[in-house]
Amino acid sequence: VAMIVSVAFLMLVDLMVGVNVISWLPD
């Protein structure tokens, strides 16, 4: 349940902030 809750919370953070964790990789 904690996995699902953390994913749901982090998806909300992504909507608000829009972080791309693979932006450092070449296109």
mmCIF file of all heavy atoms, coordinates in Angstrom:
data_MODEL
# 
_entry.id   MODEL 
# 
loop_
_atom_site.group_PDB 
_atom_site.id 
_atom_site.type_symbol 
_atom_site.label_atom_id 
_atom_site.label_alt_id 
_atom_site.label_comp_id 
_atom_site.label_asym_id 
_atom_site.label_entity_id 
_atom_site.label_seq_id 
_atom_site.pdbx_PDB_ins_code 
_atom_site.Cartn_x 
_atom_site.Cartn_y 
_atom_site.Cartn_z 
_atom_site.occupancy 
_atom_site.B_iso_or_equiv 
_atom_site.pdbx_formal_charge 
_atom_site.auth_seq_id 
_atom_site.auth_comp_id 
_atom_site.auth_asym_id 
_atom_site.auth_atom_id 
_atom_site.pdbx_PDB_model_num 
ATOM 1   N N   . VAL A 1 1  ? 0.849  -1.203 0.000   1.00 0.00 ? 1  VAL A N   1 
ATOM 2   C CA  . VAL A 1 1  ? 0.000  0.000  0.000   1.00 0.00 ? 1  VAL A CA  1 
ATOM 3   C C   . VAL A 1 1  ? 0.881  1.248  0.000   1.00 0.00 ? 1  VAL A C   1 
ATOM 4   O O   . VAL A 1 1  ? 0.599  2.219  -0.707  1.00 0.00 ? 1  VAL A O   1 
ATOM 5   C CB  . VAL A 1 1  ? -0.972 -0.006 1.206   1.00 0.00 ? 1  VAL A CB  1 
ATOM 6   C CG1 . VAL A 1 1  ? -1.633 1.344  1.387   1.00 0.00 ? 1  VAL A CG1 1 
ATOM 7   C CG2 . VAL A 1 1  ? -2.024 -1.093 1.028   1.00 0.00 ? 1  VAL A CG2 1 
ATOM 8   N N   . ALA A 1 2  ? 1.971  1.210  0.767   1.00 0.00 ? 2  ALA A N   1 
ATOM 9   C CA  . ALA A 1 2  ? 2.898  2.350  0.800   1.00 0.00 ? 2  ALA A CA  1 
ATOM 10  C C   . ALA A 1 2  ? 3.517  2.591  -0.579  1.00 0.00 ? 2  ALA A C   1 
ATOM 11  O O   . ALA A 1 2  ? 3.737  3.747  -0.968  1.00 0.00 ? 2  ALA A O   1 
ATOM 12  C CB  . ALA A 1 2  ? 3.988  2.121  1.838   1.00 0.00 ? 2  ALA A CB  1 
ATOM 13  N N   . MET A 1 3  ? 3.791  1.531  -1.332  1.00 0.00 ? 3  MET A N   1 
ATOM 14  C CA  . MET A 1 3  ? 4.314  1.697  -2.690  1.00 0.00 ? 3  MET A CA  1 
ATOM 15  C C   . MET A 1 3  ? 3.309  2.454  -3.545  1.00 0.00 ? 3  MET A C   1 
ATOM 16  O O   . MET A 1 3  ? 3.672  3.398  -4.251  1.00 0.00 ? 3  MET A O   1 
ATOM 17  C CB  . MET A 1 3  ? 4.566  0.325  -3.347  1.00 0.00 ? 3  MET A CB  1 
ATOM 18  C CG  . MET A 1 3  ? 5.835  -0.341 -2.985  1.00 0.00 ? 3  MET A CG  1 
ATOM 19  S SD  . MET A 1 3  ? 5.979  -1.816 -4.027  1.00 0.00 ? 3  MET A SD  1 
ATOM 20  C CE  . MET A 1 3  ? 6.832  -2.882 -2.925  1.00 0.00 ? 3  MET A CE  1 
ATOM 21  N N   . ILE A 1 4  ? 2.061  2.025  -3.498  1.00 0.00 ? 4  ILE A N   1 
ATOM 22  C CA  . ILE A 1 4  ? 1.021  2.651  -4.316  1.00 0.00 ? 4  ILE A CA  1 
ATOM 23  C C   . ILE A 1 4  ? 0.802  4.101  -3.900  1.00 0.00 ? 4  ILE A C   1 
ATOM 24  O O   . ILE A 1 4  ? 0.694  4.992  -4.746  1.00 0.00 ? 4  ILE A O   1 
ATOM 25  C CB  . ILE A 1 4  ? -0.291 1.840  -4.244  1.00 0.00 ? 4  ILE A CB  1 
ATOM 26  C CG1 . ILE A 1 4  ? -0.073 0.472  -4.907  1.00 0.00 ? 4  ILE A CG1 1 
ATOM 27  C CG2 . ILE A 1 4  ? -1.439 2.570  -4.916  1.00 0.00 ? 4  ILE A CG2 1 
ATOM 28  C CD1 . ILE A 1 4  ? -1.194 -0.525 -4.685  1.00 0.00 ? 4  ILE A CD1 1 
ATOM 29  N N   . VAL A 1 5  ? 0.764  4.365  -2.598  1.00 0.00 ? 5  VAL A N   1 
ATOM 30  C CA  . VAL A 1 5  ? 0.570  5.732  -2.101  1.00 0.00 ? 5  VAL A CA  1 
ATOM 31  C C   . VAL A 1 5  ? 1.743  6.620  -2.521  1.00 0.00 ? 5  VAL A C   1 
ATOM 32  O O   . VAL A 1 5  ? 1.546  7.753  -2.964  1.00 0.00 ? 5  VAL A O   1 
ATOM 33  C CB  . VAL A 1 5  ? 0.374  5.742  -0.573  1.00 0.00 ? 5  VAL A CB  1 
ATOM 34  C CG1 . VAL A 1 5  ? 0.448  7.146  -0.005  1.00 0.00 ? 5  VAL A CG1 1 
ATOM 35  C CG2 . VAL A 1 5  ? -0.954 5.080  -0.206  1.00 0.00 ? 5  VAL A CG2 1 
ATOM 36  N N   . SER A 1 6  ? 2.962  6.097  -2.417  1.00 0.00 ? 6  SER A N   1 
ATOM 37  C CA  . SER A 1 6  ? 4.124  6.913  -2.789  1.00 0.00 ? 6  SER A CA  1 
ATOM 38  C C   . SER A 1 6  ? 4.130  7.197  -4.291  1.00 0.00 ? 6  SER A C   1 
ATOM 39  O O   . SER A 1 6  ? 4.464  8.302  -4.716  1.00 0.00 ? 6  SER A O   1 
ATOM 40  C CB  . SER A 1 6  ? 5.433  6.265  -2.343  1.00 0.00 ? 6  SER A CB  1 
ATOM 41  O OG  . SER A 1 6  ? 5.646  5.049  -3.005  1.00 0.00 ? 6  SER A OG  1 
ATOM 42  N N   . VAL A 1 7  ? 3.741  6.213  -5.106  1.00 0.00 ? 7  VAL A N   1 
ATOM 43  C CA  . VAL A 1 7  ? 3.653  6.438  -6.551  1.00 0.00 ? 7  VAL A CA  1 
ATOM 44  C C   . VAL A 1 7  ? 2.604  7.508  -6.843  1.00 0.00 ? 7  VAL A C   1 
ATOM 45  O O   . VAL A 1 7  ? 2.843  8.419  -7.641  1.00 0.00 ? 7  VAL A O   1 
ATOM 46  C CB  . VAL A 1 7  ? 3.349  5.119  -7.306  1.00 0.00 ? 7  VAL A CB  1 
ATOM 47  C CG1 . VAL A 1 7  ? 2.877  5.386  -8.714  1.00 0.00 ? 7  VAL A CG1 1 
ATOM 48  C CG2 . VAL A 1 7  ? 4.575  4.227  -7.322  1.00 0.00 ? 7  VAL A CG2 1 
ATOM 49  N N   . ALA A 1 8  ? 1.440  7.401  -6.196  1.00 0.00 ? 8  ALA A N   1 
ATOM 50  C CA  . ALA A 1 8  ? 0.377  8.386  -6.417  1.00 0.00 ? 8  ALA A CA  1 
ATOM 51  C C   . ALA A 1 8  ? 0.849  9.790  -6.020  1.00 0.00 ? 8  ALA A C   1 
ATOM 52  O O   . ALA A 1 8  ? 0.614  10.764 -6.749  1.00 0.00 ? 8  ALA A O   1 
ATOM 53  C CB  . ALA A 1 8  ? -0.873 8.004  -5.624  1.00 0.00 ? 8  ALA A CB  1 
ATOM 54  N N   . PHE A 1 9  ? 1.538  9.894  -4.888  1.00 0.00 ? 9  PHE A N   1 
ATOM 55  C CA  . PHE A 1 9  ? 2.045  11.199 -4.442  1.00 0.00 ? 9  PHE A CA  1 
ATOM 56  C C   . PHE A 1 9  ? 3.096  11.739 -5.416  1.00 0.00 ? 9  PHE A C   1 
ATOM 57  O O   . PHE A 1 9  ? 3.061  12.919 -5.792  1.00 0.00 ? 9  PHE A O   1 
ATOM 58  C CB  . PHE A 1 9  ? 2.631  11.086 -3.034  1.00 0.00 ? 9  PHE A CB  1 
ATOM 59  C CG  . PHE A 1 9  ? 3.312  12.339 -2.581  1.00 0.00 ? 9  PHE A CG  1 
ATOM 60  C CD1 . PHE A 1 9  ? 2.574  13.449 -2.212  1.00 0.00 ? 9  PHE A CD1 1 
ATOM 61  C CD2 . PHE A 1 9  ? 4.698  12.420 -2.543  1.00 0.00 ? 9  PHE A CD2 1 
ATOM 62  C CE1 . PHE A 1 9  ? 3.205  14.622 -1.807  1.00 0.00 ? 9  PHE A CE1 1 
ATOM 63  C CE2 . PHE A 1 9  ? 5.331  13.581 -2.151  1.00 0.00 ? 9  PHE A CE2 1 
ATOM 64  C CZ  . PHE A 1 9  ? 4.585  14.688 -1.773  1.00 0.00 ? 9  PHE A CZ  1 
ATOM 65  N N   . LEU A 1 10 ? 4.013  10.884 -5.839  1.00 0.00 ? 10 LEU A N   1 
ATOM 66  C CA  . LEU A 1 10 ? 5.076  11.333 -6.740  1.00 0.00 ? 10 LEU A CA  1 
ATOM 67  C C   . LEU A 1 10 ? 4.538  11.691 -8.122  1.00 0.00 ? 10 LEU A C   1 
ATOM 68  O O   . LEU A 1 10 ? 5.068  12.591 -8.777  1.00 0.00 ? 10 LEU A O   1 
ATOM 69  C CB  . LEU A 1 10 ? 6.179  10.275 -6.836  1.00 0.00 ? 10 LEU A CB  1 
ATOM 70  C CG  . LEU A 1 10 ? 6.989  10.108 -5.544  1.00 0.00 ? 10 LEU A CG  1 
ATOM 71  C CD1 . LEU A 1 10 ? 7.877  8.877  -5.627  1.00 0.00 ? 10 LEU A CD1 1 
ATOM 72  C CD2 . LEU A 1 10 ? 7.795  11.348 -5.237  1.00 0.00 ? 10 LEU A CD2 1 
ATOM 73  N N   . MET A 1 11 ? 3.472  11.028 -8.556  1.00 0.00 ? 11 MET A N   1 
ATOM 74  C CA  . MET A 1 11 ? 2.844  11.410 -9.829  1.00 0.00 ? 11 MET A CA  1 
ATOM 75  C C   . MET A 1 11 ? 2.207  12.795 -9.704  1.00 0.00 ? 11 MET A C   1 
ATOM 76  O O   . MET A 1 11 ? 2.236  13.584 -10.652 1.00 0.00 ? 11 MET A O   1 
ATOM 77  C CB  . MET A 1 11 ? 1.792  10.370 -10.245 1.00 0.00 ? 11 MET A CB  1 
ATOM 78  C CG  . MET A 1 11 ? 2.376  8.999  -10.560 1.00 0.00 ? 11 MET A CG  1 
ATOM 79  S SD  . MET A 1 11 ? 3.545  8.978  -11.918 1.00 0.00 ? 11 MET A SD  1 
ATOM 80  C CE  . MET A 1 11 ? 2.445  8.952  -13.297 1.00 0.00 ? 11 MET A CE  1 
ATOM 81  N N   . LEU A 1 12 ? 1.664  13.108 -8.537  1.00 0.00 ? 12 LEU A N   1 
ATOM 82  C CA  . LEU A 1 12 ? 1.118  14.446 -8.289  1.00 0.00 ? 12 LEU A CA  1 
ATOM 83  C C   . LEU A 1 12 ? 2.242  15.481 -8.317  1.00 0.00 ? 12 LEU A C   1 
ATOM 84  O O   . LEU A 1 12 ? 2.095  16.552 -8.920  1.00 0.00 ? 12 LEU A O   1 
ATOM 85  C CB  . LEU A 1 12 ? 0.384  14.491 -6.948  1.00 0.00 ? 12 LEU A CB  1 
ATOM 86  C CG  . LEU A 1 12 ? -0.212 15.821 -6.537  1.00 0.00 ? 12 LEU A CG  1 
ATOM 87  C CD1 . LEU A 1 12 ? -1.288 16.263 -7.530  1.00 0.00 ? 12 LEU A CD1 1 
ATOM 88  C CD2 . LEU A 1 12 ? -0.798 15.732 -5.143  1.00 0.00 ? 12 LEU A CD2 1 
ATOM 89  N N   . VAL A 1 13 ? 3.360  15.167 -7.707  1.00 0.00 ? 13 VAL A N   1 
ATOM 90  C CA  . VAL A 1 13 ? 4.526  16.062 -7.734  1.00 0.00 ? 13 VAL A CA  1 
ATOM 91  C C   . VAL A 1 13 ? 4.968  16.286 -9.177  1.00 0.00 ? 13 VAL A C   1 
ATOM 92  O O   . VAL A 1 13 ? 5.269  17.416 -9.570  1.00 0.00 ? 13 VAL A O   1 
ATOM 93  C CB  . VAL A 1 13 ? 5.681  15.487 -6.880  1.00 0.00 ? 13 VAL A CB  1 
ATOM 94  C CG1 . VAL A 1 13 ? 6.973  16.249 -7.101  1.00 0.00 ? 13 VAL A CG1 1 
ATOM 95  C CG2 . VAL A 1 13 ? 5.308  15.483 -5.407  1.00 0.00 ? 13 VAL A CG2 1 
ATOM 96  N N   . ASP A 1 14 ? 4.980  15.214 -9.975  1.00 0.00 ? 14 ASP A N   1 
ATOM 97  C CA  . ASP A 1 14 ? 5.353  15.350 -11.389 1.00 0.00 ? 14 ASP A CA  1 
ATOM 98  C C   . ASP A 1 14 ? 4.420  16.303 -12.129 1.00 0.00 ? 14 ASP A C   1 
ATOM 99  O O   . ASP A 1 14 ? 4.869  17.082 -12.978 1.00 0.00 ? 14 ASP A O   1 
ATOM 100 C CB  . ASP A 1 14 ? 5.339  13.988 -12.089 1.00 0.00 ? 14 ASP A CB  1 
ATOM 101 C CG  . ASP A 1 14 ? 6.556  13.159 -11.778 1.00 0.00 ? 14 ASP A CG  1 
ATOM 102 O OD1 . ASP A 1 14 ? 7.568  13.733 -11.318 1.00 0.00 ? 14 ASP A OD1 1 
ATOM 103 O OD2 . ASP A 1 14 ? 6.508  11.937 -11.996 1.00 0.00 ? 14 ASP A OD2 1 
ATOM 104 N N   . LEU A 1 15 ? 3.124  16.229 -11.840 1.00 0.00 ? 15 LEU A N   1 
ATOM 105 C CA  . LEU A 1 15 ? 2.173  17.129 -12.496 1.00 0.00 ? 15 LEU A CA  1 
ATOM 106 C C   . LEU A 1 15 ? 2.441  18.584 -12.133 1.00 0.00 ? 15 LEU A C   1 
ATOM 107 O O   . LEU A 1 15 ? 2.303  19.482 -12.954 1.00 0.00 ? 15 LEU A O   1 
ATOM 108 C CB  . LEU A 1 15 ? 0.736  16.765 -12.100 1.00 0.00 ? 15 LEU A CB  1 
ATOM 109 C CG  . LEU A 1 15 ? 0.066  15.685 -12.914 1.00 0.00 ? 15 LEU A CG  1 
ATOM 110 C CD1 . LEU A 1 15 ? -1.328 15.400 -12.372 1.00 0.00 ? 15 LEU A CD1 1 
ATOM 111 C CD2 . LEU A 1 15 ? -0.026 16.062 -14.377 1.00 0.00 ? 15 LEU A CD2 1 
ATOM 112 N N   . MET A 1 16 ? 2.820  18.813 -10.883 1.00 0.00 ? 16 MET A N   1 
ATOM 113 C CA  . MET A 1 16 ? 3.037  20.191 -10.417 1.00 0.00 ? 16 MET A CA  1 
ATOM 114 C C   . MET A 1 16 ? 4.400  20.733 -10.828 1.00 0.00 ? 16 MET A C   1 
ATOM 115 O O   . MET A 1 16 ? 4.525  21.902 -11.179 1.00 0.00 ? 16 MET A O   1 
ATOM 116 C CB  . MET A 1 16 ? 2.878  20.267 -8.896  1.00 0.00 ? 16 MET A CB  1 
ATOM 117 C CG  . MET A 1 16 ? 1.447  20.004 -8.453  1.00 0.00 ? 16 MET A CG  1 
ATOM 118 S SD  . MET A 1 16 ? 1.142  20.309 -6.702  1.00 0.00 ? 16 MET A SD  1 
ATOM 119 C CE  . MET A 1 16 ? 2.246  19.201 -5.893  1.00 0.00 ? 16 MET A CE  1 
ATOM 120 N N   . VAL A 1 17 ? 5.428  19.886 -10.800 1.00 0.00 ? 17 VAL A N   1 
ATOM 121 C CA  . VAL A 1 17 ? 6.795  20.354 -11.023 1.00 0.00 ? 17 VAL A CA  1 
ATOM 122 C C   . VAL A 1 17 ? 7.309  20.007 -12.419 1.00 0.00 ? 17 VAL A C   1 
ATOM 123 O O   . VAL A 1 17 ? 8.010  20.800 -13.042 1.00 0.00 ? 17 VAL A O   1 
ATOM 124 C CB  . VAL A 1 17 ? 7.743  19.795 -9.936  1.00 0.00 ? 17 VAL A CB  1 
ATOM 125 C CG1 . VAL A 1 17 ? 9.163  20.257 -10.158 1.00 0.00 ? 17 VAL A CG1 1 
ATOM 126 C CG2 . VAL A 1 17 ? 7.261  20.159 -8.551  1.00 0.00 ? 17 VAL A CG2 1 
ATOM 127 N N   . GLY A 1 18 ? 7.000  18.834 -12.909 1.00 0.00 ? 18 GLY A N   1 
ATOM 128 C CA  . GLY A 1 18 ? 7.429  18.438 -14.250 1.00 0.00 ? 18 GLY A CA  1 
ATOM 129 C C   . GLY A 1 18 ? 8.890  18.084 -14.366 1.00 0.00 ? 18 GLY A C   1 
ATOM 130 O O   . GLY A 1 18 ? 9.548  18.462 -15.334 1.00 0.00 ? 18 GLY A O   1 
ATOM 131 N N   . VAL A 1 19 ? 9.412  17.335 -13.416 1.00 0.00 ? 19 VAL A N   1 
ATOM 132 C CA  . VAL A 1 19 ? 10.813 16.923 -13.437 1.00 0.00 ? 19 VAL A CA  1 
ATOM 133 C C   . VAL A 1 19 ? 11.006 15.805 -14.464 1.00 0.00 ? 19 VAL A C   1 
ATOM 134 O O   . VAL A 1 19 ? 10.161 14.922 -14.605 1.00 0.00 ? 19 VAL A O   1 
ATOM 135 C CB  . VAL A 1 19 ? 11.243 16.418 -12.038 1.00 0.00 ? 19 VAL A CB  1 
ATOM 136 C CG1 . VAL A 1 19 ? 12.651 15.867 -12.056 1.00 0.00 ? 19 VAL A CG1 1 
ATOM 137 C CG2 . VAL A 1 19 ? 11.116 17.525 -11.018 1.00 0.00 ? 19 VAL A CG2 1 
ATOM 138 N N   . ASN A 1 20 ? 12.128 15.860 -15.178 1.00 0.00 ? 20 ASN A N   1 
ATOM 139 C CA  . ASN A 1 20 ? 12.501 14.798 -16.101 1.00 0.00 ? 20 ASN A CA  1 
ATOM 140 C C   . ASN A 1 20 ? 13.823 14.216 -15.618 1.00 0.00 ? 20 ASN A C   1 
ATOM 141 O O   . ASN A 1 20 ? 14.873 14.824 -15.783 1.00 0.00 ? 20 ASN A O   1 
ATOM 142 C CB  . ASN A 1 20 ? 12.631 15.323 -17.531 1.00 0.00 ? 20 ASN A CB  1 
ATOM 143 C CG  . ASN A 1 20 ? 12.925 14.224 -18.535 1.00 0.00 ? 20 ASN A CG  1 
ATOM 144 O OD1 . ASN A 1 20 ? 12.966 13.047 -18.201 1.00 0.00 ? 20 ASN A OD1 1 
ATOM 145 N ND2 . ASN A 1 20 ? 13.134 14.625 -19.772 1.00 0.00 ? 20 ASN A ND2 1 
ATOM 146 N N   . VAL A 1 21 ? 13.765 13.006 -15.027 1.00 0.00 ? 21 VAL A N   1 
ATOM 147 C CA  . VAL A 1 21 ? 14.973 12.431 -14.432 1.00 0.00 ? 21 VAL A CA  1 
ATOM 148 C C   . VAL A 1 21 ? 15.952 11.881 -15.462 1.00 0.00 ? 21 VAL A C   1 
ATOM 149 O O   . VAL A 1 21 ? 17.080 11.542 -15.107 1.00 0.00 ? 21 VAL A O   1 
ATOM 150 C CB  . VAL A 1 21 ? 14.638 11.343 -13.381 1.00 0.00 ? 21 VAL A CB  1 
ATOM 151 C CG1 . VAL A 1 21 ? 13.893 11.923 -12.209 1.00 0.00 ? 21 VAL A CG1 1 
ATOM 152 C CG2 . VAL A 1 21 ? 13.875 10.192 -13.980 1.00 0.00 ? 21 VAL A CG2 1 
ATOM 153 N N   . ILE A 1 22 ? 15.533 11.784 -16.730 1.00 0.00 ? 22 ILE A N   1 
ATOM 154 C CA  . ILE A 1 22 ? 16.468 11.318 -17.757 1.00 0.00 ? 22 ILE A CA  1 
ATOM 155 C C   . ILE A 1 22 ? 16.857 12.435 -18.717 1.00 0.00 ? 22 ILE A C   1 
ATOM 156 O O   . ILE A 1 22 ? 17.367 12.181 -19.804 1.00 0.00 ? 22 ILE A O   1 
ATOM 157 C CB  . ILE A 1 22 ? 15.909 10.097 -18.527 1.00 0.00 ? 22 ILE A CB  1 
ATOM 158 C CG1 . ILE A 1 22 ? 14.622 10.438 -19.272 1.00 0.00 ? 22 ILE A CG1 1 
ATOM 159 C CG2 . ILE A 1 22 ? 15.752 8.900  -17.634 1.00 0.00 ? 22 ILE A CG2 1 
ATOM 160 C CD1 . ILE A 1 22 ? 14.196 9.382  -20.264 1.00 0.00 ? 22 ILE A CD1 1 
ATOM 161 N N   . SER A 1 23 ? 16.674 13.661 -18.300 1.00 0.00 ? 23 SER A N   1 
ATOM 162 C CA  . SER A 1 23 ? 17.013 14.791 -19.182 1.00 0.00 ? 23 SER A CA  1 
ATOM 163 C C   . SER A 1 23 ? 18.512 14.885 -19.443 1.00 0.00 ? 23 SER A C   1 
ATOM 164 O O   . SER A 1 23 ? 18.924 15.471 -20.446 1.00 0.00 ? 23 SER A O   1 
ATOM 165 C CB  . SER A 1 23 ? 16.510 16.100 -18.572 1.00 0.00 ? 23 SER A CB  1 
ATOM 166 O OG  . SER A 1 23 ? 17.134 16.330 -17.324 1.00 0.00 ? 23 SER A OG  1 
ATOM 167 N N   . TRP A 1 24 ? 19.325 14.280 -18.597 1.00 0.00 ? 24 TRP A N   1 
ATOM 168 C CA  . TRP A 1 24 ? 20.769 14.330 -18.763 1.00 0.00 ? 24 TRP A CA  1 
ATOM 169 C C   . TRP A 1 24 ? 21.263 13.358 -19.844 1.00 0.00 ? 24 TRP A C   1 
ATOM 170 O O   . TRP A 1 24 ? 22.386 13.470 -20.303 1.00 0.00 ? 24 TRP A O   1 
ATOM 171 C CB  . TRP A 1 24 ? 21.470 14.024 -17.430 1.00 0.00 ? 24 TRP A CB  1 
ATOM 172 C CG  . TRP A 1 24 ? 21.037 12.722 -16.835 1.00 0.00 ? 24 TRP A CG  1 
ATOM 173 C CD1 . TRP A 1 24 ? 19.952 12.504 -16.027 1.00 0.00 ? 24 TRP A CD1 1 
ATOM 174 C CD2 . TRP A 1 24 ? 21.651 11.447 -17.034 1.00 0.00 ? 24 TRP A CD2 1 
ATOM 175 N NE1 . TRP A 1 24 ? 19.862 11.177 -15.716 1.00 0.00 ? 24 TRP A NE1 1 
ATOM 176 C CE2 . TRP A 1 24 ? 20.890 10.501 -16.305 1.00 0.00 ? 24 TRP A CE2 1 
ATOM 177 C CE3 . TRP A 1 24 ? 22.763 11.008 -17.742 1.00 0.00 ? 24 TRP A CE3 1 
ATOM 178 C CZ2 . TRP A 1 24 ? 21.211 9.146  -16.267 1.00 0.00 ? 24 TRP A CZ2 1 
ATOM 179 C CZ3 . TRP A 1 24 ? 23.081 9.663  -17.702 1.00 0.00 ? 24 TRP A CZ3 1 
ATOM 180 C CH2 . TRP A 1 24 ? 22.313 8.752  -16.969 1.00 0.00 ? 24 TRP A CH2 1 
ATOM 181 N N   . LEU A 1 25 ? 20.400 12.408 -20.250 1.00 0.00 ? 25 LEU A N   1 
ATOM 182 C CA  . LEU A 1 25 ? 20.792 11.475 -21.307 1.00 0.00 ? 25 LEU A CA  1 
ATOM 183 C C   . LEU A 1 25 ? 20.739 12.158 -22.667 1.00 0.00 ? 25 LEU A C   1 
ATOM 184 O O   . LEU A 1 25 ? 19.891 13.028 -22.893 1.00 0.00 ? 25 LEU A O   1 
ATOM 185 C CB  . LEU A 1 25 ? 19.853 10.262 -21.324 1.00 0.00 ? 25 LEU A CB  1 
ATOM 186 C CG  . LEU A 1 25 ? 19.955 9.301  -20.150 1.00 0.00 ? 25 LEU A CG  1 
ATOM 187 C CD1 . LEU A 1 25 ? 18.854 8.254  -20.238 1.00 0.00 ? 25 LEU A CD1 1 
ATOM 188 C CD2 . LEU A 1 25 ? 21.317 8.631  -20.118 1.00 0.00 ? 25 LEU A CD2 1 
ATOM 189 N N   . PRO A 1 26 ? 21.600 11.771 -23.584 1.00 0.00 ? 26 PRO A N   1 
ATOM 190 C CA  . PRO A 1 26 ? 21.548 12.351 -24.936 1.00 0.00 ? 26 PRO A CA  1 
ATOM 191 C C   . PRO A 1 26 ? 20.204 12.048 -25.607 1.00 0.00 ? 26 PRO A C   1 
ATOM 192 O O   . PRO A 1 26 ? 19.617 10.983 -25.399 1.00 0.00 ? 26 PRO A O   1 
ATOM 193 C CB  . PRO A 1 26 ? 22.691 11.644 -25.675 1.00 0.00 ? 26 PRO A CB  1 
ATOM 194 C CG  . PRO A 1 26 ? 23.563 11.059 -24.623 1.00 0.00 ? 26 PRO A CG  1 
ATOM 195 C CD  . PRO A 1 26 ? 22.712 10.833 -23.430 1.00 0.00 ? 26 PRO A CD  1 
ATOM 196 N N   . ASP A 1 27 ? 19.730 13.005 -26.415 1.00 0.00 ? 27 ASP A N   1 
ATOM 197 C CA  . ASP A 1 27 ? 18.440 12.855 -27.095 1.00 0.00 ? 27 ASP A CA  1 
ATOM 198 C C   . ASP A 1 27 ? 18.381 11.579 -27.939 1.00 0.00 ? 27 ASP A C   1 
ATOM 199 O O   . ASP A 1 27 ? 17.353 10.901 -27.968 1.00 0.00 ? 27 ASP A O   1 
ATOM 200 C CB  . ASP A 1 27 ? 18.151 14.064 -27.991 1.00 0.00 ? 27 ASP A CB  1 
ATOM 201 C CG  . ASP A 1 27 ? 17.759 15.294 -27.195 1.00 0.00 ? 27 ASP A CG  1 
ATOM 202 O OD1 . ASP A 1 27 ? 17.287 15.120 -26.047 1.00 0.00 ? 27 ASP A OD1 1 
ATOM 203 O OD2 . ASP A 1 27 ? 17.922 16.417 -27.715 1.00 0.00 ? 27 ASP A OD2 1 
# 
